[in-house]
Full PDB file with SEQRES, HELIX, SHEET, SSBOND, CRYST1, ORIGX, SCALE, CONECT and MASTER records, all heavy atoms in Angstrom:
SEQRES   1 A   38  ASN GLU TYR ALA PRO LYS ASP THR SER LYS VAL VAL ALA          
SEQRES   2 A   38  LEU ARG LYS LEU ASP ALA LYS ALA LYS LEU PRO ALA ASN          
SEQRES   3 A   38  ILE PHE THR TYR THR LEU GLY ILE ILE SER ALA LEU              
HELIX    1 AA1 SER A    9  ALA A   37  1                                  29    
CRYST1    1.000    1.000    1.000  90.00  90.00  90.00 P 1           1          
ORIGX1      1.000000  0.000000  0.000000        0.00000                         
ORIGX2      0.000000  1.000000  0.000000        0.00000                         
ORIGX3      0.000000  0.000000  1.000000        0.00000                         
SCALE1      1.000000  0.000000  0.000000        0.00000                         
SCALE2      0.000000  1.000000  0.000000        0.00000                         
SCALE3      0.000000  0.000000  1.000000        0.00000                         
ATOM      1  N   ASN A   1      -8.247  13.310 -23.439  1.00  0.00           N  
ATOM      2  CA  ASN A   1      -7.446  12.962 -22.261  1.00  0.00           C  
ATOM      3  C   ASN A   1      -7.616  11.493 -21.882  1.00  0.00           C  
ATOM      4  O   ASN A   1      -6.686  10.852 -21.404  1.00  0.00           O  
ATOM      5  CB  ASN A   1      -7.812  13.843 -21.068  1.00  0.00           C  
ATOM      6  CG  ASN A   1      -7.259  15.234 -21.197  1.00  0.00           C  
ATOM      7  OD1 ASN A   1      -6.262  15.459 -21.868  1.00  0.00           O  
ATOM      8  ND2 ASN A   1      -7.914  16.184 -20.556  1.00  0.00           N  
ATOM      9  N   GLU A   2      -8.812  10.992 -22.092  1.00  0.00           N  
ATOM     10  CA  GLU A   2      -9.080   9.603 -21.749  1.00  0.00           C  
ATOM     11  C   GLU A   2      -8.288   8.643 -22.643  1.00  0.00           C  
ATOM     12  O   GLU A   2      -7.825   7.602 -22.196  1.00  0.00           O  
ATOM     13  CB  GLU A   2     -10.580   9.332 -21.892  1.00  0.00           C  
ATOM     14  CG  GLU A   2     -11.005   7.973 -21.424  1.00  0.00           C  
ATOM     15  CD  GLU A   2     -12.506   7.789 -21.503  1.00  0.00           C  
ATOM     16  OE1 GLU A   2     -13.244   8.781 -21.327  1.00  0.00           O  
ATOM     17  OE2 GLU A   2     -12.933   6.660 -21.756  1.00  0.00           O  
ATOM     18  N   TYR A   3      -8.137   9.005 -23.931  1.00  0.00           N  
ATOM     19  CA  TYR A   3      -7.450   8.127 -24.873  1.00  0.00           C  
ATOM     20  C   TYR A   3      -5.965   8.437 -25.037  1.00  0.00           C  
ATOM     21  O   TYR A   3      -5.248   7.679 -25.662  1.00  0.00           O  
ATOM     22  CB  TYR A   3      -8.141   8.187 -26.245  1.00  0.00           C  
ATOM     23  CG  TYR A   3      -9.434   7.405 -26.253  1.00  0.00           C  
ATOM     24  CD1 TYR A   3     -10.644   8.021 -25.986  1.00  0.00           C  
ATOM     25  CD2 TYR A   3      -9.423   6.044 -26.507  1.00  0.00           C  
ATOM     26  CE1 TYR A   3     -11.824   7.307 -25.984  1.00  0.00           C  
ATOM     27  CE2 TYR A   3     -10.600   5.319 -26.511  1.00  0.00           C  
ATOM     28  CZ  TYR A   3     -11.797   5.949 -26.246  1.00  0.00           C  
ATOM     29  OH  TYR A   3     -12.960   5.235 -26.244  1.00  0.00           O  
ATOM     30  N   ALA A   4      -5.516   9.516 -24.476  1.00  0.00           N  
ATOM     31  CA  ALA A   4      -4.108   9.893 -24.596  1.00  0.00           C  
ATOM     32  C   ALA A   4      -3.255   8.919 -23.786  1.00  0.00           C  
ATOM     33  O   ALA A   4      -3.666   8.458 -22.712  1.00  0.00           O  
ATOM     34  CB  ALA A   4      -3.891  11.317 -24.098  1.00  0.00           C  
ATOM     35  N   PRO A   5      -2.071   8.591 -24.275  1.00  0.00           N  
ATOM     36  CA  PRO A   5      -1.200   7.692 -23.503  1.00  0.00           C  
ATOM     37  C   PRO A   5      -0.776   8.358 -22.196  1.00  0.00           C  
ATOM     38  O   PRO A   5      -0.445   9.539 -22.170  1.00  0.00           O  
ATOM     39  CB  PRO A   5       0.002   7.456 -24.425  1.00  0.00           C  
ATOM     40  CG  PRO A   5      -0.034   8.566 -25.414  1.00  0.00           C  
ATOM     41  CD  PRO A   5      -1.457   9.013 -25.524  1.00  0.00           C  
ATOM     42  N   LYS A   6      -0.818   7.574 -21.156  1.00  0.00           N  
ATOM     43  CA  LYS A   6      -0.477   8.120 -19.843  1.00  0.00           C  
ATOM     44  C   LYS A   6       0.830   7.509 -19.371  1.00  0.00           C  
ATOM     45  O   LYS A   6       1.051   6.316 -19.481  1.00  0.00           O  
ATOM     46  CB  LYS A   6      -1.587   7.813 -18.856  1.00  0.00           C  
ATOM     47  CG  LYS A   6      -2.868   8.544 -19.182  1.00  0.00           C  
ATOM     48  CD  LYS A   6      -3.952   8.161 -18.214  1.00  0.00           C  
ATOM     49  CE  LYS A   6      -5.224   8.911 -18.470  1.00  0.00           C  
ATOM     50  NZ  LYS A   6      -5.776   8.799 -19.773  1.00  0.00           N  
ATOM     51  N   ASP A   7       1.675   8.353 -18.811  1.00  0.00           N  
ATOM     52  CA  ASP A   7       2.944   7.902 -18.254  1.00  0.00           C  
ATOM     53  C   ASP A   7       2.832   7.909 -16.732  1.00  0.00           C  
ATOM     54  O   ASP A   7       3.429   8.722 -16.047  1.00  0.00           O  
ATOM     55  CB  ASP A   7       4.096   8.795 -18.722  1.00  0.00           C  
ATOM     56  CG  ASP A   7       5.435   8.250 -18.278  1.00  0.00           C  
ATOM     57  OD1 ASP A   7       5.531   7.033 -18.050  1.00  0.00           O  
ATOM     58  OD2 ASP A   7       6.369   9.053 -18.145  1.00  0.00           O  
ATOM     59  N   THR A   8       2.002   7.013 -16.221  1.00  0.00           N  
ATOM     60  CA  THR A   8       1.783   6.958 -14.783  1.00  0.00           C  
ATOM     61  C   THR A   8       2.484   5.763 -14.153  1.00  0.00           C  
ATOM     62  O   THR A   8       2.282   5.486 -12.985  1.00  0.00           O  
ATOM     63  CB  THR A   8       0.278   6.871 -14.464  1.00  0.00           C  
ATOM     64  OG1 THR A   8      -0.250   5.713 -15.112  1.00  0.00           O  
ATOM     65  CG2 THR A   8      -0.456   8.103 -14.919  1.00  0.00           C  
ATOM     66  N   SER A   9       3.288   5.068 -14.927  1.00  0.00           N  
ATOM     67  CA  SER A   9       3.916   3.874 -14.384  1.00  0.00           C  
ATOM     68  C   SER A   9       4.820   4.197 -13.191  1.00  0.00           C  
ATOM     69  O   SER A   9       4.914   3.415 -12.258  1.00  0.00           O  
ATOM     70  CB  SER A   9       4.707   3.152 -15.463  1.00  0.00           C  
ATOM     71  OG  SER A   9       5.711   3.996 -15.975  1.00  0.00           O  
ATOM     72  N   LYS A  10       5.476   5.343 -13.230  1.00  0.00           N  
ATOM     73  CA  LYS A  10       6.350   5.717 -12.115  1.00  0.00           C  
ATOM     74  C   LYS A  10       5.538   6.079 -10.874  1.00  0.00           C  
ATOM     75  O   LYS A  10       5.940   5.778  -9.757  1.00  0.00           O  
ATOM     76  CB  LYS A  10       7.263   6.867 -12.519  1.00  0.00           C  
ATOM     77  CG  LYS A  10       8.331   6.441 -13.495  1.00  0.00           C  
ATOM     78  CD  LYS A  10       9.313   7.540 -13.787  1.00  0.00           C  
ATOM     79  CE  LYS A  10      10.368   7.042 -14.757  1.00  0.00           C  
ATOM     80  NZ  LYS A  10      11.377   8.029 -15.041  1.00  0.00           N  
ATOM     81  N   VAL A  11       4.405   6.714 -11.079  1.00  0.00           N  
ATOM     82  CA  VAL A  11       3.547   7.055  -9.946  1.00  0.00           C  
ATOM     83  C   VAL A  11       2.979   5.778  -9.323  1.00  0.00           C  
ATOM     84  O   VAL A  11       2.929   5.639  -8.095  1.00  0.00           O  
ATOM     85  CB  VAL A  11       2.409   8.012 -10.384  1.00  0.00           C  
ATOM     86  CG1 VAL A  11       1.446   8.258  -9.241  1.00  0.00           C  
ATOM     87  CG2 VAL A  11       2.978   9.322 -10.883  1.00  0.00           C  
ATOM     88  N   VAL A  12       2.575   4.850 -10.181  1.00  0.00           N  
ATOM     89  CA  VAL A  12       2.070   3.571  -9.680  1.00  0.00           C  
ATOM     90  C   VAL A  12       3.167   2.836  -8.928  1.00  0.00           C  
ATOM     91  O   VAL A  12       2.939   2.277  -7.852  1.00  0.00           O  
ATOM     92  CB  VAL A  12       1.520   2.717 -10.851  1.00  0.00           C  
ATOM     93  CG1 VAL A  12       1.203   1.308 -10.390  1.00  0.00           C  
ATOM     94  CG2 VAL A  12       0.296   3.379 -11.455  1.00  0.00           C  
ATOM     95  N   ALA A  13       4.382   2.846  -9.468  1.00  0.00           N  
ATOM     96  CA  ALA A  13       5.510   2.201  -8.792  1.00  0.00           C  
ATOM     97  C   ALA A  13       5.792   2.865  -7.450  1.00  0.00           C  
ATOM     98  O   ALA A  13       6.109   2.182  -6.463  1.00  0.00           O  
ATOM     99  CB  ALA A  13       6.746   2.253  -9.685  1.00  0.00           C  
ATOM    100  N   LEU A  14       5.663   4.188  -7.396  1.00  0.00           N  
ATOM    101  CA  LEU A  14       5.882   4.912  -6.143  1.00  0.00           C  
ATOM    102  C   LEU A  14       4.836   4.521  -5.104  1.00  0.00           C  
ATOM    103  O   LEU A  14       5.165   4.288  -3.937  1.00  0.00           O  
ATOM    104  CB  LEU A  14       5.841   6.419  -6.409  1.00  0.00           C  
ATOM    105  CG  LEU A  14       6.177   7.330  -5.241  1.00  0.00           C  
ATOM    106  CD1 LEU A  14       7.614   7.101  -4.792  1.00  0.00           C  
ATOM    107  CD2 LEU A  14       5.986   8.781  -5.642  1.00  0.00           C  
ATOM    108  N   ARG A  15       3.585   4.418  -5.530  1.00  0.00           N  
ATOM    109  CA  ARG A  15       2.521   4.002  -4.604  1.00  0.00           C  
ATOM    110  C   ARG A  15       2.761   2.586  -4.099  1.00  0.00           C  
ATOM    111  O   ARG A  15       2.529   2.280  -2.928  1.00  0.00           O  
ATOM    112  CB  ARG A  15       1.159   4.085  -5.288  1.00  0.00           C  
ATOM    113  CG  ARG A  15       0.657   5.476  -5.436  1.00  0.00           C  
ATOM    114  CD  ARG A  15      -0.755   5.503  -5.954  1.00  0.00           C  
ATOM    115  NE  ARG A  15      -1.185   6.864  -6.174  1.00  0.00           N  
ATOM    116  CZ  ARG A  15      -1.857   7.274  -7.221  1.00  0.00           C  
ATOM    117  NH1 ARG A  15      -2.219   6.423  -8.157  1.00  0.00           N  
ATOM    118  NH2 ARG A  15      -2.206   8.537  -7.352  1.00  0.00           N  
ATOM    119  N   LYS A  16       3.205   1.702  -4.998  1.00  0.00           N  
ATOM    120  CA  LYS A  16       3.470   0.322  -4.590  1.00  0.00           C  
ATOM    121  C   LYS A  16       4.621   0.252  -3.597  1.00  0.00           C  
ATOM    122  O   LYS A  16       4.562  -0.520  -2.631  1.00  0.00           O  
ATOM    123  CB  LYS A  16       3.780  -0.540  -5.814  1.00  0.00           C  
ATOM    124  CG  LYS A  16       2.563  -0.882  -6.625  1.00  0.00           C  
ATOM    125  CD  LYS A  16       2.907  -1.785  -7.784  1.00  0.00           C  
ATOM    126  CE  LYS A  16       1.669  -2.111  -8.598  1.00  0.00           C  
ATOM    127  NZ  LYS A  16       1.971  -2.972  -9.752  1.00  0.00           N  
ATOM    128  N   LEU A  17       5.663   1.031  -3.823  1.00  0.00           N  
ATOM    129  CA  LEU A  17       6.782   1.057  -2.873  1.00  0.00           C  
ATOM    130  C   LEU A  17       6.340   1.569  -1.511  1.00  0.00           C  
ATOM    131  O   LEU A  17       6.746   1.042  -0.472  1.00  0.00           O  
ATOM    132  CB  LEU A  17       7.916   1.927  -3.411  1.00  0.00           C  
ATOM    133  CG  LEU A  17       8.897   1.273  -4.366  1.00  0.00           C  
ATOM    134  CD1 LEU A  17       9.871   2.308  -4.918  1.00  0.00           C  
ATOM    135  CD2 LEU A  17       9.651   0.155  -3.680  1.00  0.00           C  
ATOM    136  N   ASP A  18       5.501   2.605  -1.521  1.00  0.00           N  
ATOM    137  CA  ASP A  18       4.993   3.156  -0.265  1.00  0.00           C  
ATOM    138  C   ASP A  18       4.174   2.102   0.473  1.00  0.00           C  
ATOM    139  O   ASP A  18       4.331   1.912   1.681  1.00  0.00           O  
ATOM    140  CB  ASP A  18       4.159   4.402  -0.553  1.00  0.00           C  
ATOM    141  CG  ASP A  18       3.632   5.046   0.707  1.00  0.00           C  
ATOM    142  OD1 ASP A  18       4.424   5.245   1.652  1.00  0.00           O  
ATOM    143  OD2 ASP A  18       2.420   5.355   0.758  1.00  0.00           O  
ATOM    144  N   ALA A  19       3.308   1.407  -0.248  1.00  0.00           N  
ATOM    145  CA  ALA A  19       2.496   0.358   0.372  1.00  0.00           C  
ATOM    146  C   ALA A  19       3.372  -0.779   0.883  1.00  0.00           C  
ATOM    147  O   ALA A  19       3.120  -1.336   1.960  1.00  0.00           O  
ATOM    148  CB  ALA A  19       1.471  -0.165  -0.624  1.00  0.00           C  
ATOM    149  N   LYS A  20       4.413  -1.113   0.127  1.00  0.00           N  
ATOM    150  CA  LYS A  20       5.333  -2.178   0.523  1.00  0.00           C  
ATOM    151  C   LYS A  20       6.082  -1.808   1.805  1.00  0.00           C  
ATOM    152  O   LYS A  20       6.341  -2.670   2.649  1.00  0.00           O  
ATOM    153  CB  LYS A  20       6.327  -2.419  -0.612  1.00  0.00           C  
ATOM    154  CG  LYS A  20       7.026  -3.724  -0.579  1.00  0.00           C  
ATOM    155  CD  LYS A  20       7.849  -3.861  -1.866  1.00  0.00           C  
ATOM    156  CE  LYS A  20       8.526  -5.188  -1.950  1.00  0.00           C  
ATOM    157  NZ  LYS A  20       9.352  -5.312  -3.151  1.00  0.00           N  
ATOM    158  N   ALA A  21       6.410  -0.544   1.952  1.00  0.00           N  
ATOM    159  CA  ALA A  21       7.110  -0.086   3.157  1.00  0.00           C  
ATOM    160  C   ALA A  21       6.208  -0.142   4.386  1.00  0.00           C  
ATOM    161  O   ALA A  21       6.670  -0.403   5.492  1.00  0.00           O  
ATOM    162  CB  ALA A  21       7.629   1.339   2.954  1.00  0.00           C  
ATOM    163  N   LYS A  22       4.917   0.091   4.189  1.00  0.00           N  
ATOM    164  CA  LYS A  22       3.974   0.151   5.317  1.00  0.00           C  
ATOM    165  C   LYS A  22       3.304  -1.183   5.631  1.00  0.00           C  
ATOM    166  O   LYS A  22       2.743  -1.349   6.712  1.00  0.00           O  
ATOM    167  CB  LYS A  22       2.896   1.193   5.018  1.00  0.00           C  
ATOM    168  CG  LYS A  22       3.446   2.600   4.940  1.00  0.00           C  
ATOM    169  CD  LYS A  22       2.375   3.580   4.540  1.00  0.00           C  
ATOM    170  CE  LYS A  22       2.951   4.996   4.427  1.00  0.00           C  
ATOM    171  NZ  LYS A  22       1.955   5.954   3.952  1.00  0.00           N  
ATOM    172  N   LEU A  23       3.347  -2.134   4.700  1.00  0.00           N  
ATOM    173  CA  LEU A  23       2.610  -3.392   4.858  1.00  0.00           C  
ATOM    174  C   LEU A  23       2.981  -4.190   6.105  1.00  0.00           C  
ATOM    175  O   LEU A  23       2.080  -4.605   6.847  1.00  0.00           O  
ATOM    176  CB  LEU A  23       2.768  -4.254   3.601  1.00  0.00           C  
ATOM    177  CG  LEU A  23       1.980  -5.552   3.601  1.00  0.00           C  
ATOM    178  CD1 LEU A  23       0.482  -5.253   3.611  1.00  0.00           C  
ATOM    179  CD2 LEU A  23       2.340  -6.386   2.395  1.00  0.00           C  
ATOM    180  N   PRO A  24       4.258  -4.429   6.406  1.00  0.00           N  
ATOM    181  CA  PRO A  24       4.563  -5.216   7.612  1.00  0.00           C  
ATOM    182  C   PRO A  24       4.025  -4.586   8.895  1.00  0.00           C  
ATOM    183  O   PRO A  24       3.518  -5.286   9.771  1.00  0.00           O  
ATOM    184  CB  PRO A  24       6.096  -5.271   7.634  1.00  0.00           C  
ATOM    185  CG  PRO A  24       6.508  -5.026   6.236  1.00  0.00           C  
ATOM    186  CD  PRO A  24       5.470  -4.116   5.654  1.00  0.00           C  
ATOM    187  N   ALA A  25       4.112  -3.276   8.994  1.00  0.00           N  
ATOM    188  CA  ALA A  25       3.613  -2.592  10.189  1.00  0.00           C  
ATOM    189  C   ALA A  25       2.097  -2.736  10.295  1.00  0.00           C  
ATOM    190  O   ALA A  25       1.564  -2.968  11.383  1.00  0.00           O  
ATOM    191  CB  ALA A  25       4.008  -1.120  10.161  1.00  0.00           C  
ATOM    192  N   ASN A  26       1.407  -2.602   9.167  1.00  0.00           N  
ATOM    193  CA  ASN A  26      -0.051  -2.726   9.184  1.00  0.00           C  
ATOM    194  C   ASN A  26      -0.488  -4.139   9.551  1.00  0.00           C  
ATOM    195  O   ASN A  26      -1.402  -4.324  10.370  1.00  0.00           O  
ATOM    196  CB  ASN A  26      -0.639  -2.332   7.831  1.00  0.00           C  
ATOM    197  CG  ASN A  26      -0.571  -0.849   7.594  1.00  0.00           C  
ATOM    198  OD1 ASN A  26      -0.511  -0.059   8.530  1.00  0.00           O  
ATOM    199  ND2 ASN A  26      -0.566  -0.451   6.342  1.00  0.00           N  
ATOM    200  N   ILE A  27       0.160  -5.133   8.968  1.00  0.00           N  
ATOM    201  CA  ILE A  27      -0.199  -6.523   9.282  1.00  0.00           C  
ATOM    202  C   ILE A  27       0.040  -6.809  10.757  1.00  0.00           C  
ATOM    203  O   ILE A  27      -0.809  -7.391  11.435  1.00  0.00           O  
ATOM    204  CB  ILE A  27       0.603  -7.500   8.394  1.00  0.00           C  
ATOM    205  CG1 ILE A  27       0.103  -7.419   6.952  1.00  0.00           C  
ATOM    206  CG2 ILE A  27       0.496  -8.932   8.914  1.00  0.00           C  
ATOM    207  CD1 ILE A  27       0.923  -8.211   5.968  1.00  0.00           C  
ATOM    208  N   PHE A  28       1.181  -6.369  11.271  1.00  0.00           N  
ATOM    209  CA  PHE A  28       1.482  -6.612  12.676  1.00  0.00           C  
ATOM    210  C   PHE A  28       0.462  -5.951  13.596  1.00  0.00           C  
ATOM    211  O   PHE A  28      -0.050  -6.573  14.521  1.00  0.00           O  
ATOM    212  CB  PHE A  28       2.885  -6.104  13.032  1.00  0.00           C  
ATOM    213  CG  PHE A  28       3.166  -6.183  14.500  1.00  0.00           C  
ATOM    214  CD1 PHE A  28       3.568  -7.373  15.071  1.00  0.00           C  
ATOM    215  CD2 PHE A  28       2.978  -5.081  15.325  1.00  0.00           C  
ATOM    216  CE1 PHE A  28       3.802  -7.463  16.428  1.00  0.00           C  
ATOM    217  CE2 PHE A  28       3.207  -5.161  16.688  1.00  0.00           C  
ATOM    218  CZ  PHE A  28       3.615  -6.364  17.234  1.00  0.00           C  
ATOM    219  N   THR A  29       0.168  -4.681  13.335  1.00  0.00           N  
ATOM    220  CA  THR A  29      -0.701  -3.953  14.266  1.00  0.00           C  
ATOM    221  C   THR A  29      -2.128  -4.486  14.253  1.00  0.00           C  
ATOM    222  O   THR A  29      -2.769  -4.573  15.296  1.00  0.00           O  
ATOM    223  CB  THR A  29      -0.641  -2.436  14.006  1.00  0.00           C  
ATOM    224  OG1 THR A  29      -1.162  -1.756  15.137  1.00  0.00           O  
ATOM    225  CG2 THR A  29      -1.428  -2.025  12.791  1.00  0.00           C  
ATOM    226  N   TYR A  30      -2.631  -4.863  13.075  1.00  0.00           N  
ATOM    227  CA  TYR A  30      -3.976  -5.444  13.034  1.00  0.00           C  
ATOM    228  C   TYR A  30      -4.003  -6.800  13.739  1.00  0.00           C  
ATOM    229  O   TYR A  30      -4.935  -7.094  14.496  1.00  0.00           O  
ATOM    230  CB  TYR A  30      -4.467  -5.594  11.595  1.00  0.00           C  
ATOM    231  CG  TYR A  30      -4.931  -4.298  10.990  1.00  0.00           C  
ATOM    232  CD1 TYR A  30      -4.328  -3.777   9.851  1.00  0.00           C  
ATOM    233  CD2 TYR A  30      -5.980  -3.579  11.544  1.00  0.00           C  
ATOM    234  CE1 TYR A  30      -4.743  -2.584   9.288  1.00  0.00           C  
ATOM    235  CE2 TYR A  30      -6.406  -2.387  11.002  1.00  0.00           C  
ATOM    236  CZ  TYR A  30      -5.795  -1.898   9.871  1.00  0.00           C  
ATOM    237  OH  TYR A  30      -6.209  -0.718   9.324  1.00  0.00           O  
ATOM    238  N   THR A  31      -2.991  -7.615  13.507  1.00  0.00           N  
ATOM    239  CA  THR A  31      -2.940  -8.932  14.137  1.00  0.00           C  
ATOM    240  C   THR A  31      -2.847  -8.824  15.651  1.00  0.00           C  
ATOM    241  O   THR A  31      -3.627  -9.456  16.377  1.00  0.00           O  
ATOM    242  CB  THR A  31      -1.745  -9.739  13.588  1.00  0.00           C  
ATOM    243  OG1 THR A  31      -1.844  -9.805  12.160  1.00  0.00           O  
ATOM    244  CG2 THR A  31      -1.718 -11.133  14.154  1.00  0.00           C  
ATOM    245  N   LEU A  32      -1.915  -8.031  16.134  1.00  0.00           N  
ATOM    246  CA  LEU A  32      -1.769  -7.876  17.585  1.00  0.00           C  
ATOM    247  C   LEU A  32      -3.007  -7.230  18.200  1.00  0.00           C  
ATOM    248  O   LEU A  32      -3.445  -7.624  19.283  1.00  0.00           O  
ATOM    249  CB  LEU A  32      -0.523  -7.057  17.934  1.00  0.00           C  
ATOM    250  CG  LEU A  32      -0.257  -6.883  19.429  1.00  0.00           C  
ATOM    251  CD1 LEU A  32      -0.032  -8.239  20.103  1.00  0.00           C  
ATOM    252  CD2 LEU A  32       0.920  -5.973  19.673  1.00  0.00           C  
ATOM    253  N   GLY A  33      -3.587  -6.267  17.521  1.00  0.00           N  
ATOM    254  CA  GLY A  33      -4.790  -5.611  18.038  1.00  0.00           C  
ATOM    255  C   GLY A  33      -5.956  -6.568  18.182  1.00  0.00           C  
ATOM    256  O   GLY A  33      -6.660  -6.577  19.202  1.00  0.00           O  
ATOM    257  N   ILE A  34      -6.161  -7.408  17.165  1.00  0.00           N  
ATOM    258  CA  ILE A  34      -7.265  -8.375  17.222  1.00  0.00           C  
ATOM    259  C   ILE A  34      -7.029  -9.404  18.318  1.00  0.00           C  
ATOM    260  O   ILE A  34      -7.930  -9.705  19.111  1.00  0.00           O  
ATOM    261  CB  ILE A  34      -7.448  -9.055  15.846  1.00  0.00           C  
ATOM    262  CG1 ILE A  34      -8.013  -8.049  14.835  1.00  0.00           C  
ATOM    263  CG2 ILE A  34      -8.342 -10.282  15.944  1.00  0.00           C  
ATOM    264  CD1 ILE A  34      -7.968  -8.516  13.397  1.00  0.00           C  
ATOM    265  N   ILE A  35      -5.806  -9.935  18.371  1.00  0.00           N  
ATOM    266  CA  ILE A  35      -5.493 -10.941  19.395  1.00  0.00           C  
ATOM    267  C   ILE A  35      -5.627 -10.340  20.797  1.00  0.00           C  
ATOM    268  O   ILE A  35      -6.195 -10.960  21.708  1.00  0.00           O  
ATOM    269  CB  ILE A  35      -4.085 -11.529  19.166  1.00  0.00           C  
ATOM    270  CG1 ILE A  35      -4.092 -12.379  17.897  1.00  0.00           C  
ATOM    271  CG2 ILE A  35      -3.625 -12.348  20.362  1.00  0.00           C  
ATOM    272  CD1 ILE A  35      -2.721 -12.813  17.425  1.00  0.00           C  
ATOM    273  N   SER A  36      -5.138  -9.127  20.980  1.00  0.00           N  
ATOM    274  CA  SER A  36      -5.214  -8.485  22.292  1.00  0.00           C  
ATOM    275  C   SER A  36      -6.658  -8.226  22.707  1.00  0.00           C  
ATOM    276  O   SER A  36      -7.028  -8.439  23.867  1.00  0.00           O  
ATOM    277  CB  SER A  36      -4.441  -7.168  22.281  1.00  0.00           C  
ATOM    278  OG  SER A  36      -3.081  -7.393  22.035  1.00  0.00           O  
ATOM    279  N   ALA A  37      -7.477  -7.766  21.766  1.00  0.00           N  
ATOM    280  CA  ALA A  37      -8.886  -7.515  22.086  1.00  0.00           C  
ATOM    281  C   ALA A  37      -9.605  -8.815  22.436  1.00  0.00           C  
ATOM    282  O   ALA A  37     -10.425  -8.853  23.369  1.00  0.00           O  
ATOM    283  CB  ALA A  37      -9.566  -6.828  20.905  1.00  0.00           C  
ATOM    284  N   LEU A  38      -9.291  -9.881  21.709  1.00  0.00           N  
ATOM    285  CA  LEU A  38      -9.904 -11.177  22.029  1.00  0.00           C  
ATOM    286  C   LEU A  38      -9.459 -11.683  23.392  1.00  0.00           C  
ATOM    287  O   LEU A  38     -10.280 -12.207  24.155  1.00  0.00           O  
ATOM    288  CB  LEU A  38      -9.573 -12.199  20.942  1.00  0.00           C  
ATOM    289  CG  LEU A  38     -10.259 -11.980  19.599  1.00  0.00           C  
ATOM    290  CD1 LEU A  38      -9.716 -12.944  18.560  1.00  0.00           C  
ATOM    291  CD2 LEU A  38     -11.760 -12.127  19.725  1.00  0.00           C  
TER     292      LEU A  38                                                      
MASTER        0    0    0    1    0    0    0    6  291    1    0    3          
END                                                                             
């Protein structure tokens, strides 16, 4: 199983798309949260 070719490129692409969709919200909330706490 370790040496067998894996077709995970679509799963990796799906994870990247999910992260790309959530990234602006995460950056905004962390930035505003830190500034507000300070």
